[in-house]
């Protein structure tokens, strides 16, 4: 657990530096975002609801693991995985229809960089969800099933990625 908390602190610094670059450029640029950047709000808003829902499915799945209900746990972790995949599908669509490219201007460079780093972290989270599924075993005479602490640590990671998305959504799509 302690290792995961330290790792998340380093990830916070990574995303913090990306946000610092974004807001620095936003502050010194007269027109932000540049002309021709018209992002629609429907798909990122739907993606936000989907990713937020995935935090709840994982939370309730972890509660099932704590109670020894592996069927509920596995079902909800699979739902979390599916919601993560749906989120990534929407992000892929947004990348393909963006009216600018990564080399178009500073805004495009940061937009693609921030969203790509987040997508990479979500892919890692999805791989970790699969690890969770394979590590969980039925409870024995011991109080908790094996894999519980691993699942909790991965849950921290997943929730962190979700919270980072809320900050990205607010900065890049609402405040702009």
N, C-alpha and C. Protein backbone atom coordinates (compact mmCIF):
# COMPACT_ATOMS: atom_id res chain seq x y z
N UNK A 1 0.83 -1.20 0.00
CA UNK A 1 0.00 0.00 0.00
C UNK A 1 0.87 1.25 0.00
N UNK A 2 1.88 1.25 0.87
CA UNK A 2 2.74 2.41 0.96
C UNK A 2 3.44 2.68 -0.37
N UNK A 3 3.87 1.62 -1.03
CA UNK A 3 4.51 1.76 -2.34
C UNK A 3 3.56 2.37 -3.37
N UNK A 4 2.29 1.97 -3.33
CA UNK A 4 1.33 2.53 -4.27
C UNK A 4 1.09 4.01 -3.98
N UNK A 5 1.02 4.37 -2.73
CA UNK A 5 0.82 5.78 -2.37
C UNK A 5 2.01 6.61 -2.86
N UNK A 6 3.23 6.11 -2.68
CA UNK A 6 4.41 6.83 -3.18
C UNK A 6 4.38 6.94 -4.70
N UNK A 7 4.01 5.85 -5.36
CA UNK A 7 3.92 5.88 -6.82
C UNK A 7 2.88 6.90 -7.28
N UNK A 8 1.73 6.93 -6.62
CA UNK A 8 0.69 7.89 -7.00
C UNK A 8 1.15 9.33 -6.76
N UNK A 9 1.96 9.54 -5.73
CA UNK A 9 2.51 10.88 -5.50
C UNK A 9 3.40 11.30 -6.67
N UNK A 10 4.19 10.37 -7.19
CA UNK A 10 5.03 10.70 -8.35
C UNK A 10 4.17 10.94 -9.59
N UNK A 11 3.10 10.20 -9.73
CA UNK A 11 2.20 10.42 -10.86
C UNK A 11 1.48 11.76 -10.74
N UNK A 12 1.18 12.14 -9.52
CA UNK A 12 0.58 13.45 -9.29
C UNK A 12 1.51 14.56 -9.76
N UNK A 13 2.81 14.38 -9.52
CA UNK A 13 3.78 15.36 -9.99
C UNK A 13 3.84 15.40 -11.51
N UNK A 14 3.75 14.24 -12.15
CA UNK A 14 3.74 14.21 -13.62
C UNK A 14 2.55 14.98 -14.17
N UNK A 15 1.37 14.65 -13.70
CA UNK A 15 0.18 15.34 -14.20
C UNK A 15 0.17 16.81 -13.76
N UNK A 16 0.71 17.09 -12.58
CA UNK A 16 0.81 18.47 -12.13
C UNK A 16 1.68 19.30 -13.06
N UNK A 17 2.78 18.71 -13.54
CA UNK A 17 3.64 19.45 -14.47
C UNK A 17 2.94 19.67 -15.81
N UNK A 18 2.16 18.71 -16.25
CA UNK A 18 1.40 18.90 -17.50
C UNK A 18 0.36 20.01 -17.34
N UNK A 19 -0.32 20.02 -16.20
CA UNK A 19 -1.29 21.09 -15.94
C UNK A 19 -0.59 22.44 -15.81
N UNK A 20 0.57 22.46 -15.19
CA UNK A 20 1.32 23.71 -15.05
C UNK A 20 1.69 24.26 -16.42
N UNK A 21 2.16 23.40 -17.31
CA UNK A 21 2.48 23.84 -18.67
C UNK A 21 1.24 24.37 -19.38
N UNK A 22 0.13 23.65 -19.23
CA UNK A 22 -1.12 24.06 -19.87
C UNK A 22 -1.56 25.44 -19.38
N UNK A 23 -1.60 25.62 -18.07
CA UNK A 23 -2.08 26.89 -17.52
C UNK A 23 -1.08 28.02 -17.72
N UNK A 24 0.21 27.72 -17.77
CA UNK A 24 1.20 28.75 -18.08
C UNK A 24 0.99 29.26 -19.50
N UNK A 25 0.88 28.35 -20.45
CA UNK A 25 0.66 28.77 -21.85
C UNK A 25 -0.68 29.47 -22.00
N UNK A 26 -1.66 29.00 -21.29
CA UNK A 26 -2.98 29.65 -21.34
C UNK A 26 -2.89 31.09 -20.83
N UNK A 27 -2.09 31.31 -19.80
CA UNK A 27 -1.97 32.64 -19.21
C UNK A 27 -1.21 33.62 -20.10
N UNK A 28 -0.23 33.15 -20.86
CA UNK A 28 0.58 34.07 -21.66
C UNK A 28 0.13 34.17 -23.12
N UNK A 29 -0.86 33.39 -23.51
CA UNK A 29 -1.33 33.40 -24.89
C UNK A 29 -2.60 34.25 -24.97
N UNK A 30 -2.62 35.23 -25.89
CA UNK A 30 -3.78 36.13 -25.95
C UNK A 30 -5.09 35.41 -26.31
N UNK A 31 -5.05 34.45 -27.20
CA UNK A 31 -6.25 33.73 -27.60
C UNK A 31 -6.08 32.25 -27.25
N UNK A 32 -6.85 31.80 -26.29
CA UNK A 32 -6.73 30.39 -25.84
C UNK A 32 -8.11 29.82 -25.66
N UNK A 33 -8.44 28.73 -26.25
CA UNK A 33 -7.67 28.01 -27.25
C UNK A 33 -7.61 28.78 -28.55
N UNK A 34 -6.70 28.40 -29.44
CA UNK A 34 -6.53 29.13 -30.70
C UNK A 34 -7.78 29.04 -31.58
N UNK A 35 -7.83 29.92 -32.55
CA UNK A 35 -8.93 29.91 -33.53
C UNK A 35 -9.01 28.52 -34.18
N UNK A 36 -10.21 28.07 -34.43
CA UNK A 36 -10.42 26.78 -35.10
C UNK A 36 -10.49 25.60 -34.15
N UNK A 37 -10.36 25.84 -32.86
CA UNK A 37 -10.47 24.75 -31.88
C UNK A 37 -11.87 24.80 -31.31
N UNK A 38 -12.74 24.03 -31.92
CA UNK A 38 -14.11 23.93 -31.45
C UNK A 38 -14.36 22.49 -31.03
N UNK A 39 -14.23 22.23 -29.75
CA UNK A 39 -14.43 20.87 -29.24
C UNK A 39 -15.88 20.70 -28.82
N UNK A 40 -16.49 19.63 -29.29
CA UNK A 40 -17.85 19.35 -28.85
C UNK A 40 -17.81 18.78 -27.44
N UNK A 41 -18.87 18.97 -26.71
CA UNK A 41 -18.91 18.60 -25.30
C UNK A 41 -19.63 17.29 -25.00
N UNK A 42 -20.35 16.76 -25.97
CA UNK A 42 -21.15 15.56 -25.69
C UNK A 42 -20.28 14.35 -25.39
N UNK A 43 -19.35 14.02 -26.29
CA UNK A 43 -18.56 12.81 -26.07
C UNK A 43 -17.66 12.90 -24.84
N UNK A 44 -16.99 14.03 -24.54
CA UNK A 44 -16.21 14.04 -23.30
C UNK A 44 -17.10 13.98 -22.05
N UNK A 45 -18.30 14.53 -22.14
CA UNK A 45 -19.21 14.47 -21.00
C UNK A 45 -19.69 13.04 -20.77
N UNK A 46 -20.03 12.34 -21.84
CA UNK A 46 -20.43 10.94 -21.73
C UNK A 46 -19.27 10.11 -21.20
N UNK A 47 -18.06 10.39 -21.70
CA UNK A 47 -16.88 9.67 -21.22
C UNK A 47 -16.66 9.90 -19.73
N UNK A 48 -16.93 11.11 -19.27
CA UNK A 48 -16.77 11.43 -17.85
C UNK A 48 -17.75 10.63 -17.00
N UNK A 49 -18.98 10.54 -17.45
CA UNK A 49 -19.98 9.75 -16.73
C UNK A 49 -19.55 8.28 -16.69
N UNK A 50 -19.07 7.78 -17.81
CA UNK A 50 -18.65 6.37 -17.89
C UNK A 50 -17.49 6.10 -16.95
N UNK A 51 -16.48 6.97 -16.97
CA UNK A 51 -15.32 6.72 -16.11
C UNK A 51 -15.67 6.88 -14.63
N UNK A 52 -16.53 7.83 -14.33
CA UNK A 52 -16.97 7.99 -12.94
C UNK A 52 -17.75 6.75 -12.49
N UNK A 53 -18.59 6.23 -13.35
CA UNK A 53 -19.34 5.01 -13.03
C UNK A 53 -18.38 3.85 -12.77
N UNK A 54 -17.27 3.81 -13.50
CA UNK A 54 -16.31 2.71 -13.30
C UNK A 54 -15.70 2.74 -11.91
N UNK A 55 -15.56 3.92 -11.33
CA UNK A 55 -15.05 3.99 -9.96
C UNK A 55 -16.03 3.34 -8.99
N UNK A 56 -17.32 3.54 -9.25
CA UNK A 56 -18.33 2.95 -8.37
C UNK A 56 -18.40 1.43 -8.54
N UNK A 57 -18.31 0.95 -9.79
CA UNK A 57 -18.34 -0.50 -9.98
C UNK A 57 -17.14 -1.15 -9.30
N UNK A 58 -15.98 -0.50 -9.39
CA UNK A 58 -14.80 -1.05 -8.72
C UNK A 58 -14.95 -0.99 -7.20
N UNK A 59 -15.46 0.11 -6.69
CA UNK A 59 -15.67 0.25 -5.25
C UNK A 59 -16.57 -0.86 -4.72
N UNK A 60 -17.70 -1.09 -5.39
CA UNK A 60 -18.63 -2.13 -4.94
C UNK A 60 -18.05 -3.53 -5.17
N UNK A 61 -17.24 -3.68 -6.20
CA UNK A 61 -16.56 -4.96 -6.40
C UNK A 61 -15.58 -5.26 -5.28
N UNK A 62 -14.83 -4.24 -4.86
CA UNK A 62 -13.89 -4.43 -3.75
C UNK A 62 -14.61 -4.74 -2.45
N UNK A 63 -15.77 -4.14 -2.28
CA UNK A 63 -16.57 -4.48 -1.08
C UNK A 63 -17.01 -5.94 -1.14
N UNK A 64 -17.35 -6.42 -2.33
CA UNK A 64 -17.69 -7.83 -2.48
C UNK A 64 -16.52 -8.73 -2.11
N UNK A 65 -15.31 -8.32 -2.52
CA UNK A 65 -14.12 -9.10 -2.17
C UNK A 65 -13.91 -9.13 -0.66
N UNK A 66 -14.12 -8.00 0.00
CA UNK A 66 -13.97 -7.95 1.45
C UNK A 66 -14.93 -8.91 2.15
N UNK A 67 -16.09 -9.08 1.57
CA UNK A 67 -17.10 -9.97 2.16
C UNK A 67 -16.94 -11.42 1.71
N UNK A 68 -16.00 -11.66 0.81
CA UNK A 68 -15.79 -13.01 0.32
C UNK A 68 -16.71 -13.39 -0.83
N UNK A 69 -17.42 -12.44 -1.40
CA UNK A 69 -18.34 -12.69 -2.53
C UNK A 69 -17.57 -12.52 -3.84
N UNK A 70 -16.87 -13.59 -4.24
CA UNK A 70 -16.02 -13.52 -5.43
C UNK A 70 -16.81 -13.35 -6.71
N UNK A 71 -18.01 -13.90 -6.78
CA UNK A 71 -18.81 -13.75 -8.00
C UNK A 71 -19.14 -12.28 -8.22
N UNK A 72 -19.58 -11.60 -7.19
CA UNK A 72 -19.89 -10.16 -7.29
C UNK A 72 -18.62 -9.38 -7.64
N UNK A 73 -17.54 -9.71 -6.95
CA UNK A 73 -16.26 -9.04 -7.18
C UNK A 73 -15.84 -9.16 -8.65
N UNK A 74 -15.81 -10.38 -9.14
CA UNK A 74 -15.37 -10.60 -10.53
C UNK A 74 -16.29 -9.91 -11.53
N UNK A 75 -17.59 -9.99 -11.30
CA UNK A 75 -18.54 -9.35 -12.21
C UNK A 75 -18.31 -7.84 -12.25
N UNK A 76 -18.16 -7.23 -11.09
CA UNK A 76 -18.00 -5.78 -11.05
C UNK A 76 -16.64 -5.32 -11.56
N UNK A 77 -15.60 -6.12 -11.36
CA UNK A 77 -14.29 -5.77 -11.93
C UNK A 77 -14.36 -5.87 -13.46
N UNK A 78 -15.07 -6.87 -13.97
CA UNK A 78 -15.24 -6.95 -15.43
C UNK A 78 -16.04 -5.77 -15.97
N UNK A 79 -17.05 -5.33 -15.22
CA UNK A 79 -17.80 -4.13 -15.61
C UNK A 79 -16.88 -2.91 -15.61
N UNK A 80 -16.03 -2.82 -14.62
CA UNK A 80 -15.08 -1.71 -14.54
C UNK A 80 -14.17 -1.73 -15.77
N UNK A 81 -13.68 -2.90 -16.12
CA UNK A 81 -12.84 -3.05 -17.31
C UNK A 81 -13.59 -2.60 -18.56
N UNK A 82 -14.84 -3.05 -18.70
CA UNK A 82 -15.65 -2.69 -19.88
C UNK A 82 -15.90 -1.18 -19.94
N UNK A 83 -16.16 -0.57 -18.80
CA UNK A 83 -16.37 0.87 -18.78
C UNK A 83 -15.08 1.61 -19.14
N UNK A 84 -13.95 1.11 -18.68
CA UNK A 84 -12.65 1.70 -19.07
C UNK A 84 -12.43 1.58 -20.56
N UNK A 85 -12.77 0.43 -21.13
CA UNK A 85 -12.62 0.24 -22.58
C UNK A 85 -13.55 1.18 -23.35
N UNK A 86 -14.77 1.37 -22.87
CA UNK A 86 -15.69 2.30 -23.52
C UNK A 86 -15.14 3.72 -23.47
N UNK A 87 -14.59 4.11 -22.34
CA UNK A 87 -13.97 5.43 -22.20
C UNK A 87 -12.85 5.60 -23.22
N UNK A 88 -11.98 4.60 -23.32
CA UNK A 88 -10.88 4.68 -24.28
C UNK A 88 -11.39 4.74 -25.72
N UNK A 89 -12.48 4.04 -26.01
CA UNK A 89 -13.07 4.11 -27.34
C UNK A 89 -13.53 5.53 -27.67
N UNK A 90 -14.15 6.18 -26.71
CA UNK A 90 -14.59 7.56 -26.92
C UNK A 90 -13.39 8.48 -27.12
N UNK A 91 -12.35 8.29 -26.34
CA UNK A 91 -11.14 9.12 -26.49
C UNK A 91 -10.51 8.89 -27.85
N UNK A 92 -10.48 7.66 -28.30
CA UNK A 92 -9.95 7.37 -29.64
C UNK A 92 -10.75 8.08 -30.71
N UNK A 93 -12.06 8.07 -30.56
CA UNK A 93 -12.93 8.79 -31.50
C UNK A 93 -12.60 10.28 -31.48
N UNK A 94 -12.46 10.87 -30.29
CA UNK A 94 -12.15 12.29 -30.18
C UNK A 94 -10.81 12.62 -30.84
N UNK A 95 -9.83 11.75 -30.67
CA UNK A 95 -8.54 11.96 -31.32
C UNK A 95 -8.71 11.99 -32.84
N UNK A 96 -9.53 11.09 -33.35
CA UNK A 96 -9.67 10.98 -34.81
C UNK A 96 -10.44 12.13 -35.43
N UNK A 97 -11.29 12.80 -34.68
CA UNK A 97 -12.09 13.89 -35.24
C UNK A 97 -11.64 15.27 -34.76
N UNK A 98 -10.57 15.34 -33.98
CA UNK A 98 -10.10 16.65 -33.50
C UNK A 98 -9.79 17.54 -34.70
N UNK A 99 -10.23 18.81 -34.64
CA UNK A 99 -10.02 19.72 -35.77
C UNK A 99 -8.59 20.28 -35.83
N UNK A 100 -7.66 19.68 -35.10
CA UNK A 100 -6.27 20.11 -35.07
C UNK A 100 -5.41 18.90 -34.78
N UNK A 101 -4.13 19.05 -34.95
CA UNK A 101 -3.21 17.95 -34.68
C UNK A 101 -2.26 18.29 -33.55
N UNK A 102 -1.40 17.34 -33.22
CA UNK A 102 -0.46 17.56 -32.13
C UNK A 102 0.56 18.63 -32.49
N UNK A 103 0.84 18.83 -33.77
CA UNK A 103 1.83 19.81 -34.21
C UNK A 103 1.19 21.11 -34.69
N UNK A 104 -0.12 21.25 -34.56
CA UNK A 104 -0.81 22.45 -35.06
C UNK A 104 -0.44 23.70 -34.28
N UNK A 105 -0.38 23.60 -32.96
CA UNK A 105 -0.09 24.73 -32.09
C UNK A 105 0.15 24.19 -30.68
N UNK A 106 0.51 25.08 -29.76
CA UNK A 106 0.80 24.66 -28.39
C UNK A 106 -0.41 24.01 -27.74
N UNK A 107 -1.59 24.55 -28.01
CA UNK A 107 -2.80 23.96 -27.44
C UNK A 107 -2.96 22.51 -27.90
N UNK A 108 -2.81 22.28 -29.20
CA UNK A 108 -2.93 20.92 -29.73
C UNK A 108 -1.88 19.99 -29.14
N UNK A 109 -0.67 20.51 -28.99
CA UNK A 109 0.39 19.69 -28.41
C UNK A 109 0.05 19.27 -26.99
N UNK A 110 -0.39 20.21 -26.18
CA UNK A 110 -0.74 19.88 -24.80
C UNK A 110 -2.01 19.04 -24.71
N UNK A 111 -2.99 19.33 -25.55
CA UNK A 111 -4.24 18.57 -25.54
C UNK A 111 -3.97 17.10 -25.81
N UNK A 112 -3.22 16.83 -26.88
CA UNK A 112 -2.92 15.44 -27.22
C UNK A 112 -2.00 14.80 -26.18
N UNK A 113 -1.04 15.55 -25.66
CA UNK A 113 -0.11 14.98 -24.68
C UNK A 113 -0.84 14.61 -23.39
N UNK A 114 -1.63 15.53 -22.87
CA UNK A 114 -2.34 15.26 -21.62
C UNK A 114 -3.32 14.10 -21.78
N UNK A 115 -4.08 14.11 -22.87
CA UNK A 115 -5.05 13.03 -23.08
C UNK A 115 -4.35 11.69 -23.34
N UNK A 116 -3.22 11.73 -24.03
CA UNK A 116 -2.48 10.49 -24.29
C UNK A 116 -1.89 9.90 -23.02
N UNK A 117 -1.32 10.76 -22.17
CA UNK A 117 -0.80 10.26 -20.91
C UNK A 117 -1.91 9.66 -20.05
N UNK A 118 -3.05 10.31 -20.05
CA UNK A 118 -4.16 9.77 -19.27
C UNK A 118 -4.61 8.42 -19.85
N UNK A 119 -4.71 8.34 -21.17
CA UNK A 119 -5.12 7.08 -21.81
C UNK A 119 -4.12 5.97 -21.50
N UNK A 120 -2.84 6.30 -21.50
CA UNK A 120 -1.82 5.31 -21.16
C UNK A 120 -2.01 4.82 -19.73
N UNK A 121 -2.28 5.73 -18.82
CA UNK A 121 -2.50 5.34 -17.43
C UNK A 121 -3.77 4.49 -17.29
N UNK A 122 -4.77 4.80 -18.07
CA UNK A 122 -5.99 4.00 -18.02
C UNK A 122 -5.73 2.60 -18.57
N UNK A 123 -4.92 2.48 -19.61
CA UNK A 123 -4.56 1.16 -20.14
C UNK A 123 -3.81 0.34 -19.10
N UNK A 124 -2.89 0.98 -18.38
CA UNK A 124 -2.18 0.29 -17.29
C UNK A 124 -3.19 -0.15 -16.23
N UNK A 125 -4.12 0.73 -15.89
CA UNK A 125 -5.15 0.38 -14.92
C UNK A 125 -5.98 -0.81 -15.36
N UNK A 126 -6.30 -0.87 -16.64
CA UNK A 126 -7.08 -2.00 -17.15
C UNK A 126 -6.28 -3.30 -17.06
N UNK A 127 -4.98 -3.22 -17.35
CA UNK A 127 -4.14 -4.41 -17.20
C UNK A 127 -4.09 -4.84 -15.74
N UNK A 128 -4.02 -3.87 -14.83
CA UNK A 128 -4.01 -4.19 -13.41
C UNK A 128 -5.33 -4.80 -12.95
N UNK A 129 -6.44 -4.38 -13.57
CA UNK A 129 -7.72 -5.01 -13.25
C UNK A 129 -7.70 -6.50 -13.57
N UNK A 130 -7.05 -6.85 -14.67
CA UNK A 130 -6.93 -8.27 -15.02
C UNK A 130 -6.08 -9.00 -13.99
N UNK A 131 -5.03 -8.34 -13.51
CA UNK A 131 -4.21 -8.94 -12.44
C UNK A 131 -5.08 -9.20 -11.22
N UNK A 132 -5.94 -8.23 -10.89
CA UNK A 132 -6.84 -8.39 -9.75
C UNK A 132 -7.71 -9.63 -9.89
N UNK A 133 -8.23 -9.82 -11.08
CA UNK A 133 -9.12 -10.97 -11.29
C UNK A 133 -8.40 -12.29 -11.07
N UNK A 134 -7.16 -12.37 -11.50
CA UNK A 134 -6.43 -13.62 -11.40
C UNK A 134 -5.84 -13.85 -10.01
N UNK A 135 -5.66 -12.79 -9.24
CA UNK A 135 -5.06 -12.94 -7.90
C UNK A 135 -6.09 -13.31 -6.84
N UNK A 136 -7.33 -13.01 -7.07
CA UNK A 136 -8.35 -13.25 -6.04
C UNK A 136 -8.67 -14.74 -5.95
N UNK A 137 -8.71 -15.22 -4.72
CA UNK A 137 -9.08 -16.61 -4.47
C UNK A 137 -10.15 -16.63 -3.40
N UNK A 138 -10.88 -17.71 -3.31
CA UNK A 138 -11.92 -17.78 -2.28
C UNK A 138 -11.33 -17.63 -0.88
N UNK A 139 -12.14 -17.11 0.04
CA UNK A 139 -11.64 -16.96 1.41
C UNK A 139 -11.39 -18.31 2.05
N UNK A 140 -10.38 -18.34 2.89
CA UNK A 140 -10.10 -19.57 3.64
C UNK A 140 -10.48 -19.32 5.10
N UNK A 141 -9.84 -20.01 5.98
CA UNK A 141 -10.13 -19.78 7.39
C UNK A 141 -9.57 -18.43 7.85
N UNK A 142 -8.71 -17.84 7.03
CA UNK A 142 -8.16 -16.53 7.33
C UNK A 142 -9.26 -15.50 7.08
N UNK A 143 -9.16 -14.35 7.69
CA UNK A 143 -10.23 -13.34 7.62
C UNK A 143 -10.49 -12.82 6.21
N UNK A 144 -9.47 -12.74 5.36
CA UNK A 144 -9.66 -12.14 4.03
C UNK A 144 -9.19 -13.09 2.95
N UNK A 145 -9.81 -12.97 1.76
CA UNK A 145 -9.31 -13.74 0.62
C UNK A 145 -7.93 -13.23 0.22
N UNK A 146 -7.14 -14.08 -0.43
CA UNK A 146 -5.83 -13.62 -0.89
C UNK A 146 -6.03 -12.65 -2.05
N UNK A 147 -5.10 -11.74 -2.19
CA UNK A 147 -5.19 -10.75 -3.25
C UNK A 147 -5.92 -9.49 -2.82
N UNK A 148 -6.38 -9.46 -1.55
CA UNK A 148 -7.16 -8.31 -1.09
C UNK A 148 -6.33 -7.03 -1.09
N UNK A 149 -5.13 -7.08 -0.53
CA UNK A 149 -4.31 -5.86 -0.49
C UNK A 149 -3.88 -5.42 -1.88
N UNK A 150 -3.60 -6.37 -2.74
CA UNK A 150 -3.28 -6.03 -4.12
C UNK A 150 -4.46 -5.33 -4.77
N UNK A 151 -5.64 -5.87 -4.55
CA UNK A 151 -6.85 -5.28 -5.13
C UNK A 151 -7.08 -3.87 -4.58
N UNK A 152 -6.86 -3.66 -3.30
CA UNK A 152 -7.02 -2.33 -2.71
C UNK A 152 -6.03 -1.35 -3.32
N UNK A 153 -4.79 -1.76 -3.49
CA UNK A 153 -3.77 -0.88 -4.07
C UNK A 153 -4.12 -0.53 -5.51
N UNK A 154 -4.57 -1.51 -6.26
CA UNK A 154 -4.98 -1.25 -7.64
C UNK A 154 -6.21 -0.36 -7.67
N UNK A 155 -7.09 -0.54 -6.70
CA UNK A 155 -8.25 0.34 -6.59
C UNK A 155 -7.84 1.78 -6.38
N UNK A 156 -6.82 2.01 -5.54
CA UNK A 156 -6.29 3.37 -5.36
C UNK A 156 -5.83 3.95 -6.69
N UNK A 157 -5.11 3.13 -7.44
CA UNK A 157 -4.61 3.58 -8.74
C UNK A 157 -5.78 3.96 -9.66
N UNK A 158 -6.79 3.09 -9.73
CA UNK A 158 -7.93 3.33 -10.61
C UNK A 158 -8.65 4.62 -10.22
N UNK A 159 -8.88 4.81 -8.94
CA UNK A 159 -9.57 6.02 -8.48
C UNK A 159 -8.72 7.26 -8.76
N UNK A 160 -7.40 7.13 -8.62
CA UNK A 160 -6.51 8.24 -8.94
C UNK A 160 -6.65 8.64 -10.41
N UNK A 161 -6.64 7.66 -11.30
CA UNK A 161 -6.78 7.94 -12.73
C UNK A 161 -8.14 8.60 -13.01
N UNK A 162 -9.17 8.18 -12.31
CA UNK A 162 -10.49 8.80 -12.47
C UNK A 162 -10.49 10.25 -12.01
N UNK A 163 -9.87 10.52 -10.86
CA UNK A 163 -9.82 11.89 -10.35
C UNK A 163 -8.99 12.78 -11.28
N UNK A 164 -7.91 12.24 -11.79
CA UNK A 164 -7.10 13.00 -12.76
C UNK A 164 -7.96 13.35 -13.98
N UNK A 165 -8.80 12.40 -14.42
CA UNK A 165 -9.66 12.69 -15.56
C UNK A 165 -10.60 13.84 -15.25
N UNK A 166 -11.16 13.88 -14.05
CA UNK A 166 -12.06 14.98 -13.70
C UNK A 166 -11.34 16.32 -13.79
N UNK A 167 -10.07 16.36 -13.38
CA UNK A 167 -9.29 17.59 -13.50
C UNK A 167 -9.03 17.92 -14.97
N UNK A 168 -8.72 16.92 -15.78
CA UNK A 168 -8.49 17.13 -17.21
C UNK A 168 -9.76 17.63 -17.88
N UNK A 169 -10.85 16.99 -17.60
CA UNK A 169 -12.14 17.38 -18.18
C UNK A 169 -12.48 18.83 -17.83
N UNK A 170 -12.26 19.18 -16.58
CA UNK A 170 -12.55 20.55 -16.15
C UNK A 170 -11.64 21.55 -16.86
N UNK A 171 -10.35 21.25 -16.91
CA UNK A 171 -9.39 22.20 -17.48
C UNK A 171 -9.49 22.31 -19.00
N UNK A 172 -9.57 21.17 -19.69
CA UNK A 172 -9.51 21.18 -21.15
C UNK A 172 -10.86 21.36 -21.83
N UNK A 173 -11.92 20.96 -21.16
CA UNK A 173 -13.22 21.01 -21.84
C UNK A 173 -14.18 22.04 -21.25
N UNK A 174 -14.07 22.33 -19.97
CA UNK A 174 -15.02 23.29 -19.37
C UNK A 174 -14.39 24.68 -19.27
N UNK A 175 -13.25 24.78 -18.57
CA UNK A 175 -12.62 26.09 -18.39
C UNK A 175 -11.99 26.57 -19.70
N UNK A 176 -11.27 25.71 -20.34
CA UNK A 176 -10.53 25.98 -21.58
C UNK A 176 -9.82 27.29 -21.47
